[in-house]
N, C-alpha and C. Protein backbone atom coordinates (compact mmCIF):
# COMPACT_ATOMS: atom_id res chain seq x y z
N MET A 1 181.38 -88.62 172.65
CA MET A 1 180.53 -89.80 172.79
C MET A 1 180.97 -90.85 171.78
N THR A 2 181.06 -92.06 172.24
CA THR A 2 181.45 -93.13 171.34
C THR A 2 180.24 -93.64 170.58
N LEU A 3 180.51 -94.34 169.52
CA LEU A 3 179.45 -94.90 168.70
C LEU A 3 178.62 -95.92 169.49
N ASP A 4 179.27 -96.70 170.35
CA ASP A 4 178.54 -97.68 171.16
C ASP A 4 177.54 -97.00 172.09
N LEU A 5 177.94 -95.92 172.71
CA LEU A 5 177.05 -95.20 173.62
C LEU A 5 175.88 -94.59 172.87
N ILE A 6 176.15 -94.02 171.71
CA ILE A 6 175.07 -93.44 170.89
C ILE A 6 174.09 -94.53 170.46
N LEU A 7 174.60 -95.67 170.02
CA LEU A 7 173.74 -96.78 169.62
C LEU A 7 172.93 -97.29 170.81
N PHE A 8 173.57 -97.41 171.97
CA PHE A 8 172.86 -97.86 173.16
C PHE A 8 171.73 -96.90 173.52
N LEU A 9 172.02 -95.60 173.53
CA LEU A 9 170.99 -94.61 173.89
C LEU A 9 169.84 -94.62 172.88
N LEU A 10 170.17 -94.74 171.60
CA LEU A 10 169.12 -94.81 170.58
C LEU A 10 168.23 -96.03 170.78
N LEU A 11 168.86 -97.19 171.02
CA LEU A 11 168.09 -98.41 171.26
C LEU A 11 167.28 -98.32 172.55
N ALA A 12 167.84 -97.69 173.57
CA ALA A 12 167.13 -97.54 174.83
C ALA A 12 165.88 -96.69 174.65
N VAL A 13 166.00 -95.60 173.88
CA VAL A 13 164.85 -94.75 173.62
C VAL A 13 163.78 -95.53 172.84
N ILE A 14 164.20 -96.31 171.86
CA ILE A 14 163.25 -97.11 171.07
C ILE A 14 162.57 -98.16 171.96
N ALA A 15 163.34 -98.82 172.82
CA ALA A 15 162.77 -99.86 173.69
C ALA A 15 161.76 -99.26 174.66
N VAL A 16 162.11 -98.14 175.27
CA VAL A 16 161.19 -97.51 176.23
C VAL A 16 159.95 -96.98 175.50
N ALA A 17 160.14 -96.37 174.34
CA ALA A 17 158.99 -95.86 173.58
C ALA A 17 158.07 -97.00 173.14
N ALA A 18 158.64 -98.12 172.74
CA ALA A 18 157.81 -99.26 172.35
C ALA A 18 157.05 -99.82 173.56
N ALA A 19 157.70 -99.86 174.72
CA ALA A 19 157.02 -100.35 175.92
C ALA A 19 155.89 -99.42 176.33
N VAL A 20 156.13 -98.11 176.27
CA VAL A 20 155.08 -97.16 176.60
C VAL A 20 153.95 -97.25 175.57
N GLY A 21 154.30 -97.37 174.29
CA GLY A 21 153.28 -97.53 173.26
C GLY A 21 152.44 -98.77 173.47
N MET A 22 153.06 -99.85 173.92
CA MET A 22 152.33 -101.07 174.19
C MET A 22 151.34 -100.86 175.34
N LEU A 23 151.77 -100.13 176.36
CA LEU A 23 150.92 -99.94 177.53
C LEU A 23 149.75 -99.00 177.28
N VAL A 24 149.94 -97.99 176.45
CA VAL A 24 148.88 -97.00 176.26
C VAL A 24 148.01 -97.28 175.03
N SER A 25 148.36 -98.26 174.25
CA SER A 25 147.60 -98.55 173.03
C SER A 25 146.23 -99.13 173.37
N LYS A 26 145.20 -98.59 172.75
CA LYS A 26 143.84 -99.11 172.95
C LYS A 26 143.55 -100.31 172.05
N ASN A 27 144.30 -100.44 170.98
CA ASN A 27 144.11 -101.54 170.05
C ASN A 27 145.07 -102.67 170.42
N THR A 28 144.55 -103.86 170.70
CA THR A 28 145.39 -104.95 171.17
C THR A 28 146.38 -105.43 170.11
N VAL A 29 146.02 -105.35 168.85
CA VAL A 29 146.95 -105.74 167.79
C VAL A 29 148.13 -104.78 167.76
N HIS A 30 147.84 -103.49 167.89
CA HIS A 30 148.92 -102.51 167.94
C HIS A 30 149.80 -102.72 169.17
N ALA A 31 149.18 -103.05 170.30
CA ALA A 31 149.96 -103.31 171.52
C ALA A 31 150.89 -104.51 171.31
N ALA A 32 150.40 -105.54 170.66
CA ALA A 32 151.23 -106.72 170.38
C ALA A 32 152.37 -106.37 169.43
N LEU A 33 152.11 -105.50 168.45
CA LEU A 33 153.17 -105.10 167.53
C LEU A 33 154.21 -104.22 168.22
N PHE A 34 153.79 -103.39 169.16
CA PHE A 34 154.75 -102.64 169.96
C PHE A 34 155.61 -103.60 170.78
N LEU A 35 155.01 -104.66 171.29
CA LEU A 35 155.78 -105.65 172.04
C LEU A 35 156.79 -106.36 171.15
N VAL A 36 156.42 -106.63 169.90
CA VAL A 36 157.36 -107.22 168.94
C VAL A 36 158.55 -106.28 168.74
N LEU A 37 158.29 -104.99 168.58
CA LEU A 37 159.38 -104.02 168.43
C LEU A 37 160.28 -104.01 169.66
N ASN A 38 159.67 -104.09 170.85
CA ASN A 38 160.46 -104.13 172.08
C ASN A 38 161.32 -105.38 172.14
N PHE A 39 160.76 -106.53 171.79
CA PHE A 39 161.53 -107.78 171.77
C PHE A 39 162.70 -107.70 170.78
N ALA A 40 162.45 -107.12 169.62
CA ALA A 40 163.52 -106.99 168.62
C ALA A 40 164.63 -106.06 169.12
N THR A 41 164.25 -104.99 169.80
CA THR A 41 165.25 -104.08 170.35
C THR A 41 166.10 -104.79 171.41
N ILE A 42 165.47 -105.57 172.25
CA ILE A 42 166.20 -106.32 173.26
C ILE A 42 167.15 -107.32 172.60
N ALA A 43 166.73 -107.92 171.51
CA ALA A 43 167.61 -108.83 170.78
C ALA A 43 168.86 -108.10 170.27
N VAL A 44 168.69 -106.87 169.82
CA VAL A 44 169.84 -106.10 169.37
C VAL A 44 170.76 -105.78 170.56
N PHE A 45 170.17 -105.49 171.71
CA PHE A 45 170.98 -105.30 172.92
C PHE A 45 171.84 -106.53 173.19
N TYR A 46 171.22 -107.71 173.12
CA TYR A 46 171.97 -108.95 173.35
C TYR A 46 173.11 -109.09 172.34
N LEU A 47 172.84 -108.72 171.10
CA LEU A 47 173.86 -108.82 170.06
C LEU A 47 175.03 -107.87 170.36
N ILE A 48 174.72 -106.68 170.80
CA ILE A 48 175.77 -105.71 171.14
C ILE A 48 176.60 -106.20 172.32
N LEU A 49 175.95 -106.88 173.26
CA LEU A 49 176.66 -107.38 174.44
C LEU A 49 177.48 -108.64 174.16
N GLY A 50 177.45 -109.12 172.94
CA GLY A 50 178.27 -110.27 172.57
C GLY A 50 177.57 -111.60 172.77
N GLY A 51 176.26 -111.61 172.73
CA GLY A 51 175.51 -112.85 172.88
C GLY A 51 174.69 -113.16 171.65
N PRO A 52 175.32 -113.61 170.56
CA PRO A 52 174.56 -113.85 169.34
C PRO A 52 173.54 -114.98 169.50
N PHE A 53 173.86 -115.99 170.32
CA PHE A 53 172.93 -117.11 170.49
C PHE A 53 171.65 -116.64 171.18
N ILE A 54 171.80 -115.91 172.28
CA ILE A 54 170.61 -115.45 173.00
C ILE A 54 169.84 -114.42 172.19
N SER A 55 170.53 -113.66 171.36
CA SER A 55 169.87 -112.71 170.48
C SER A 55 168.98 -113.42 169.46
N MET A 56 169.52 -114.44 168.83
CA MET A 56 168.72 -115.19 167.86
C MET A 56 167.60 -115.98 168.54
N ALA A 57 167.87 -116.46 169.76
CA ALA A 57 166.81 -117.15 170.51
C ALA A 57 165.70 -116.17 170.85
N GLN A 58 166.05 -114.94 171.20
CA GLN A 58 165.06 -113.91 171.50
C GLN A 58 164.18 -113.66 170.28
N ILE A 59 164.80 -113.52 169.13
CA ILE A 59 164.02 -113.26 167.92
C ILE A 59 163.18 -114.47 167.54
N THR A 60 163.78 -115.65 167.59
CA THR A 60 163.06 -116.85 167.16
C THR A 60 161.92 -117.21 168.10
N VAL A 61 162.23 -117.25 169.39
CA VAL A 61 161.22 -117.72 170.35
C VAL A 61 160.19 -116.65 170.65
N TYR A 62 160.64 -115.47 171.08
CA TYR A 62 159.68 -114.46 171.51
C TYR A 62 159.06 -113.72 170.34
N THR A 63 159.90 -113.09 169.53
CA THR A 63 159.37 -112.29 168.44
C THR A 63 158.69 -113.17 167.40
N GLY A 64 159.22 -114.35 167.17
CA GLY A 64 158.63 -115.24 166.17
C GLY A 64 157.46 -116.02 166.71
N ALA A 65 157.74 -117.01 167.52
CA ALA A 65 156.73 -117.99 167.91
C ALA A 65 155.67 -117.44 168.86
N ILE A 66 156.09 -116.85 169.96
CA ILE A 66 155.12 -116.44 170.97
C ILE A 66 154.24 -115.30 170.48
N MET A 67 154.83 -114.31 169.80
CA MET A 67 154.02 -113.20 169.34
C MET A 67 153.08 -113.60 168.21
N VAL A 68 153.50 -114.52 167.37
CA VAL A 68 152.57 -115.02 166.35
C VAL A 68 151.39 -115.71 167.03
N LEU A 69 151.67 -116.47 168.08
CA LEU A 69 150.60 -117.12 168.84
C LEU A 69 149.68 -116.08 169.48
N PHE A 70 150.25 -115.05 170.09
CA PHE A 70 149.42 -114.00 170.70
C PHE A 70 148.56 -113.31 169.65
N LEU A 71 149.16 -112.94 168.52
CA LEU A 71 148.37 -112.28 167.47
C LEU A 71 147.28 -113.19 166.94
N PHE A 72 147.57 -114.49 166.81
CA PHE A 72 146.55 -115.44 166.36
C PHE A 72 145.39 -115.48 167.35
N VAL A 73 145.70 -115.55 168.63
CA VAL A 73 144.64 -115.60 169.65
C VAL A 73 143.85 -114.30 169.68
N ILE A 74 144.54 -113.16 169.57
CA ILE A 74 143.85 -111.87 169.57
C ILE A 74 142.89 -111.79 168.39
N MET A 75 143.35 -112.19 167.22
CA MET A 75 142.50 -112.09 166.03
C MET A 75 141.41 -113.16 166.03
N LEU A 76 141.71 -114.34 166.57
CA LEU A 76 140.72 -115.41 166.64
C LEU A 76 139.57 -115.03 167.55
N LEU A 77 139.90 -114.42 168.68
CA LEU A 77 138.86 -114.10 169.65
C LEU A 77 138.17 -112.78 169.36
N GLY A 78 138.71 -111.99 168.46
CA GLY A 78 138.06 -110.75 168.08
C GLY A 78 138.07 -109.70 169.18
N VAL A 79 139.15 -109.58 169.89
CA VAL A 79 139.24 -108.58 170.95
C VAL A 79 140.22 -107.48 170.54
N GLU A 80 140.05 -106.96 169.33
CA GLU A 80 140.98 -105.96 168.82
C GLU A 80 140.92 -104.68 169.64
N LYS A 81 139.77 -104.33 170.14
CA LYS A 81 139.63 -103.10 170.92
C LYS A 81 139.42 -103.47 172.38
N LEU A 82 140.18 -102.80 173.25
CA LEU A 82 139.99 -103.00 174.69
C LEU A 82 138.87 -102.08 175.15
N SER A 83 137.97 -102.62 175.94
CA SER A 83 136.91 -101.78 176.47
C SER A 83 137.37 -101.19 177.78
N GLY A 84 137.14 -99.91 177.97
CA GLY A 84 137.58 -99.24 179.17
C GLY A 84 136.63 -99.44 180.34
N GLN A 85 135.53 -100.13 180.15
CA GLN A 85 134.53 -100.29 181.20
C GLN A 85 134.86 -101.43 182.14
N ASP A 86 135.76 -102.34 181.79
CA ASP A 86 136.07 -103.48 182.64
C ASP A 86 137.12 -103.16 183.70
N LYS A 87 137.62 -101.93 183.73
CA LYS A 87 138.72 -101.60 184.62
C LYS A 87 138.27 -101.73 186.07
N LEU A 88 139.00 -102.49 186.81
CA LEU A 88 138.71 -102.65 188.23
C LEU A 88 139.36 -101.50 188.99
N SER A 89 138.76 -101.09 190.10
CA SER A 89 139.24 -99.92 190.83
C SER A 89 140.62 -100.13 191.44
N TRP A 90 141.03 -101.36 191.67
CA TRP A 90 142.32 -101.62 192.31
C TRP A 90 143.47 -101.72 191.32
N GLN A 91 143.19 -101.74 190.02
CA GLN A 91 144.25 -101.94 189.05
C GLN A 91 145.23 -100.77 188.98
N VAL A 92 144.74 -99.55 188.94
CA VAL A 92 145.63 -98.39 188.80
C VAL A 92 146.53 -98.22 190.02
N PRO A 93 146.00 -98.25 191.26
CA PRO A 93 146.92 -98.12 192.41
C PRO A 93 147.93 -99.27 192.50
N THR A 94 147.50 -100.47 192.15
CA THR A 94 148.42 -101.60 192.19
C THR A 94 149.52 -101.43 191.15
N ALA A 95 149.17 -101.01 189.95
CA ALA A 95 150.16 -100.80 188.89
C ALA A 95 151.14 -99.69 189.28
N LEU A 96 150.63 -98.61 189.86
CA LEU A 96 151.51 -97.52 190.27
C LEU A 96 152.45 -97.95 191.40
N THR A 97 151.94 -98.71 192.34
CA THR A 97 152.76 -99.21 193.44
C THR A 97 153.86 -100.14 192.93
N LEU A 98 153.48 -101.09 192.07
CA LEU A 98 154.48 -102.02 191.53
C LEU A 98 155.50 -101.30 190.65
N GLY A 99 155.06 -100.29 189.89
CA GLY A 99 155.99 -99.51 189.09
C GLY A 99 156.98 -98.74 189.95
N ALA A 100 156.49 -98.15 191.05
CA ALA A 100 157.38 -97.44 191.97
C ALA A 100 158.38 -98.40 192.61
N LEU A 101 157.92 -99.59 193.00
CA LEU A 101 158.83 -100.58 193.57
C LEU A 101 159.90 -101.00 192.56
N LEU A 102 159.50 -101.16 191.30
CA LEU A 102 160.47 -101.51 190.26
C LEU A 102 161.50 -100.41 190.07
N LEU A 103 161.06 -99.16 190.08
CA LEU A 103 162.00 -98.05 189.96
C LEU A 103 162.96 -98.00 191.15
N LEU A 104 162.44 -98.21 192.35
CA LEU A 104 163.31 -98.22 193.53
C LEU A 104 164.33 -99.35 193.46
N GLU A 105 163.87 -100.53 193.06
CA GLU A 105 164.78 -101.67 192.94
C GLU A 105 165.84 -101.42 191.87
N SER A 106 165.42 -100.89 190.75
CA SER A 106 166.38 -100.60 189.68
C SER A 106 167.41 -99.57 190.13
N GLY A 107 166.94 -98.52 190.81
CA GLY A 107 167.86 -97.52 191.32
C GLY A 107 168.84 -98.09 192.33
N TYR A 108 168.35 -98.96 193.20
CA TYR A 108 169.22 -99.60 194.18
C TYR A 108 170.32 -100.40 193.49
N PHE A 109 169.93 -101.21 192.50
CA PHE A 109 170.92 -102.04 191.82
C PHE A 109 171.88 -101.22 190.96
N LEU A 110 171.42 -100.10 190.43
CA LEU A 110 172.34 -99.25 189.66
C LEU A 110 173.36 -98.56 190.57
N ILE A 111 172.94 -98.20 191.78
CA ILE A 111 173.85 -97.50 192.69
C ILE A 111 174.75 -98.47 193.46
N PHE A 112 174.17 -99.53 194.00
CA PHE A 112 174.91 -100.42 194.89
C PHE A 112 175.23 -101.78 194.27
N ARG A 113 175.13 -101.90 192.99
CA ARG A 113 175.29 -103.19 192.34
C ARG A 113 176.71 -103.72 192.42
N ARG A 114 176.79 -105.02 192.34
CA ARG A 114 178.06 -105.70 192.17
C ARG A 114 177.89 -106.63 190.99
N THR A 115 178.82 -106.60 190.09
CA THR A 115 178.71 -107.45 188.91
C THR A 115 178.97 -108.90 189.31
N PRO A 116 178.51 -109.86 188.53
CA PRO A 116 178.77 -111.26 188.84
C PRO A 116 180.26 -111.57 188.92
N LEU A 117 181.08 -110.88 188.12
CA LEU A 117 182.52 -111.12 188.18
C LEU A 117 183.10 -110.66 189.51
N GLU A 118 182.59 -109.55 190.04
CA GLU A 118 183.06 -109.08 191.34
C GLU A 118 182.67 -110.04 192.45
N MET A 119 181.48 -110.63 192.33
CA MET A 119 181.00 -111.54 193.37
C MET A 119 181.76 -112.86 193.34
N SER A 120 182.14 -113.33 192.16
CA SER A 120 182.81 -114.62 192.08
C SER A 120 184.31 -114.52 192.35
N GLY A 121 184.86 -113.34 192.25
CA GLY A 121 186.28 -113.16 192.52
C GLY A 121 187.16 -113.43 191.31
N THR A 122 186.60 -113.86 190.18
CA THR A 122 187.41 -114.09 188.99
C THR A 122 187.26 -112.89 188.05
N GLN A 123 188.18 -112.70 187.18
CA GLN A 123 188.13 -111.58 186.26
C GLN A 123 188.04 -112.01 184.80
N SER A 124 187.83 -113.29 184.54
CA SER A 124 187.72 -113.73 183.16
C SER A 124 186.46 -114.56 182.99
N ILE A 125 185.90 -114.45 181.81
CA ILE A 125 184.69 -115.20 181.47
C ILE A 125 185.13 -116.43 180.70
N PRO A 126 184.57 -117.61 181.04
CA PRO A 126 184.93 -118.81 180.28
C PRO A 126 184.59 -118.64 178.80
N GLU A 127 185.34 -119.29 177.96
CA GLU A 127 185.17 -119.11 176.52
C GLU A 127 183.81 -119.61 176.03
N ALA A 128 183.29 -120.67 176.63
CA ALA A 128 182.01 -121.24 176.19
C ALA A 128 180.82 -120.53 176.81
N PHE A 129 181.07 -119.47 177.61
CA PHE A 129 179.99 -118.77 178.30
C PHE A 129 178.99 -118.19 177.29
N GLY A 130 177.72 -118.51 177.47
CA GLY A 130 176.68 -117.98 176.61
C GLY A 130 176.50 -118.70 175.29
N GLY A 131 177.31 -119.70 175.03
CA GLY A 131 177.19 -120.46 173.79
C GLY A 131 176.06 -121.48 173.88
N PRO A 132 175.69 -122.09 172.78
CA PRO A 132 174.59 -123.04 172.78
C PRO A 132 174.79 -124.21 173.74
N SER A 133 176.00 -124.76 173.82
CA SER A 133 176.21 -125.92 174.71
C SER A 133 176.11 -125.51 176.17
N ALA A 134 176.64 -124.33 176.53
CA ALA A 134 176.55 -123.88 177.92
C ALA A 134 175.10 -123.58 178.30
N VAL A 135 174.36 -122.98 177.38
CA VAL A 135 172.95 -122.68 177.65
C VAL A 135 172.16 -123.99 177.78
N ALA A 136 172.43 -124.95 176.90
CA ALA A 136 171.74 -126.24 176.97
C ALA A 136 172.06 -126.97 178.26
N ASP A 137 173.33 -126.95 178.67
CA ASP A 137 173.70 -127.60 179.93
C ASP A 137 172.96 -126.97 181.10
N ALA A 138 172.96 -125.65 181.18
CA ALA A 138 172.29 -124.97 182.28
C ALA A 138 170.78 -125.21 182.24
N LEU A 139 170.23 -125.16 181.04
CA LEU A 139 168.78 -125.28 180.90
C LEU A 139 168.29 -126.68 181.23
N PHE A 140 168.95 -127.70 180.73
CA PHE A 140 168.46 -129.06 180.90
C PHE A 140 168.97 -129.75 182.15
N GLN A 141 170.03 -129.24 182.77
CA GLN A 141 170.53 -129.86 183.98
C GLN A 141 170.07 -129.14 185.24
N HIS A 142 170.04 -127.80 185.20
CA HIS A 142 169.74 -127.06 186.41
C HIS A 142 168.36 -126.41 186.41
N TYR A 143 167.86 -126.04 185.25
CA TYR A 143 166.64 -125.25 185.19
C TYR A 143 165.52 -125.91 184.39
N ALA A 144 165.52 -127.20 184.27
CA ALA A 144 164.49 -127.87 183.47
C ALA A 144 163.10 -127.70 184.10
N LEU A 145 163.00 -127.89 185.40
CA LEU A 145 161.70 -127.77 186.06
C LEU A 145 161.14 -126.35 185.99
N PRO A 146 161.92 -125.29 186.28
CA PRO A 146 161.35 -123.94 186.13
C PRO A 146 160.89 -123.61 184.71
N VAL A 147 161.62 -124.09 183.71
CA VAL A 147 161.21 -123.83 182.33
C VAL A 147 159.90 -124.56 182.02
N GLU A 148 159.76 -125.77 182.50
CA GLU A 148 158.51 -126.52 182.29
C GLU A 148 157.35 -125.85 183.02
N ILE A 149 157.60 -125.36 184.23
CA ILE A 149 156.56 -124.67 184.98
C ILE A 149 156.13 -123.40 184.25
N ALA A 150 157.11 -122.65 183.72
CA ALA A 150 156.78 -121.44 182.97
C ALA A 150 155.94 -121.78 181.73
N GLY A 151 156.28 -122.87 181.06
CA GLY A 151 155.49 -123.29 179.90
C GLY A 151 154.07 -123.64 180.26
N VAL A 152 153.90 -124.34 181.37
CA VAL A 152 152.54 -124.70 181.83
C VAL A 152 151.77 -123.44 182.22
N LEU A 153 152.43 -122.49 182.89
CA LEU A 153 151.76 -121.25 183.27
C LEU A 153 151.31 -120.46 182.04
N LEU A 154 152.16 -120.41 181.01
CA LEU A 154 151.75 -119.73 179.77
C LEU A 154 150.57 -120.43 179.12
N LEU A 155 150.57 -121.75 179.13
CA LEU A 155 149.45 -122.51 178.56
C LEU A 155 148.17 -122.25 179.34
N VAL A 156 148.25 -122.27 180.67
CA VAL A 156 147.09 -122.02 181.51
C VAL A 156 146.57 -120.60 181.29
N ALA A 157 147.48 -119.63 181.17
CA ALA A 157 147.06 -118.25 180.92
C ALA A 157 146.34 -118.14 179.59
N MET A 158 146.84 -118.81 178.57
CA MET A 158 146.21 -118.76 177.25
C MET A 158 144.82 -119.39 177.29
N VAL A 159 144.70 -120.54 177.95
CA VAL A 159 143.40 -121.19 178.06
C VAL A 159 142.44 -120.31 178.87
N GLY A 160 142.96 -119.65 179.91
CA GLY A 160 142.13 -118.75 180.71
C GLY A 160 141.60 -117.58 179.90
N VAL A 161 142.46 -117.02 179.06
CA VAL A 161 142.02 -115.91 178.20
C VAL A 161 140.93 -116.37 177.25
N ILE A 162 141.13 -117.53 176.66
CA ILE A 162 140.12 -118.05 175.73
C ILE A 162 138.82 -118.32 176.46
N ALA A 163 138.90 -118.94 177.64
CA ALA A 163 137.68 -119.25 178.40
C ALA A 163 136.96 -117.97 178.82
N LEU A 164 137.69 -116.97 179.31
CA LEU A 164 137.06 -115.72 179.72
C LEU A 164 136.43 -114.99 178.54
N THR A 165 137.10 -115.01 177.41
CA THR A 165 136.54 -114.32 176.23
C THR A 165 135.30 -115.03 175.73
N LYS A 166 135.33 -116.34 175.69
CA LYS A 166 134.14 -117.09 175.27
C LYS A 166 132.99 -116.84 176.24
N TRP A 167 133.30 -116.77 177.56
CA TRP A 167 132.28 -116.54 178.55
C TRP A 167 131.68 -115.15 178.39
N GLU A 168 132.52 -114.14 178.12
CA GLU A 168 132.04 -112.79 177.92
C GLU A 168 131.15 -112.69 176.67
N LYS A 169 131.55 -113.37 175.59
CA LYS A 169 130.75 -113.33 174.36
C LYS A 169 129.39 -114.00 174.59
N GLY A 170 129.37 -115.10 175.33
CA GLY A 170 128.12 -115.79 175.59
C GLY A 170 127.22 -115.02 176.52
N ARG A 171 127.78 -114.21 177.40
CA ARG A 171 127.01 -113.47 178.38
C ARG A 171 126.35 -112.25 177.79
N SER A 172 126.96 -111.63 176.80
CA SER A 172 126.41 -110.38 176.25
C SER A 172 125.38 -110.61 175.19
């Protein structure tokens, strides 16, 4: 076994364990910290794959800014403990169905996948690929609207969480 494979397997185990810990944690602060660990592990994956820019962006944007915002909202609203009484009857079957679909899709792509290089017919990656200027060009020329829509959706989700929590506190 090569060192790269051992490092990959170790990181994969940490990433999966952090994701499972996030899902099963009853304490929302602990769940958010498990998510931070998962984000950091993914950043190391990006670094191993030769993408230092996207790795630092992962740490700065997700692990830094977004998770600090999530932790601030969690602590501000005082929802450290999740109550098990709000569970809707459709949540578990829906989650299991979506998880099974994700596993099927992942298996399909692992077995029948074609890499982007195979699809394009070229065998070399441009030198500026993945660098800050290439990412900025793609982001601001081709994907500006989807990024703005994602930002608005995150804002709406955050406002919805705050509104629902305030409504729950006022109702009880």
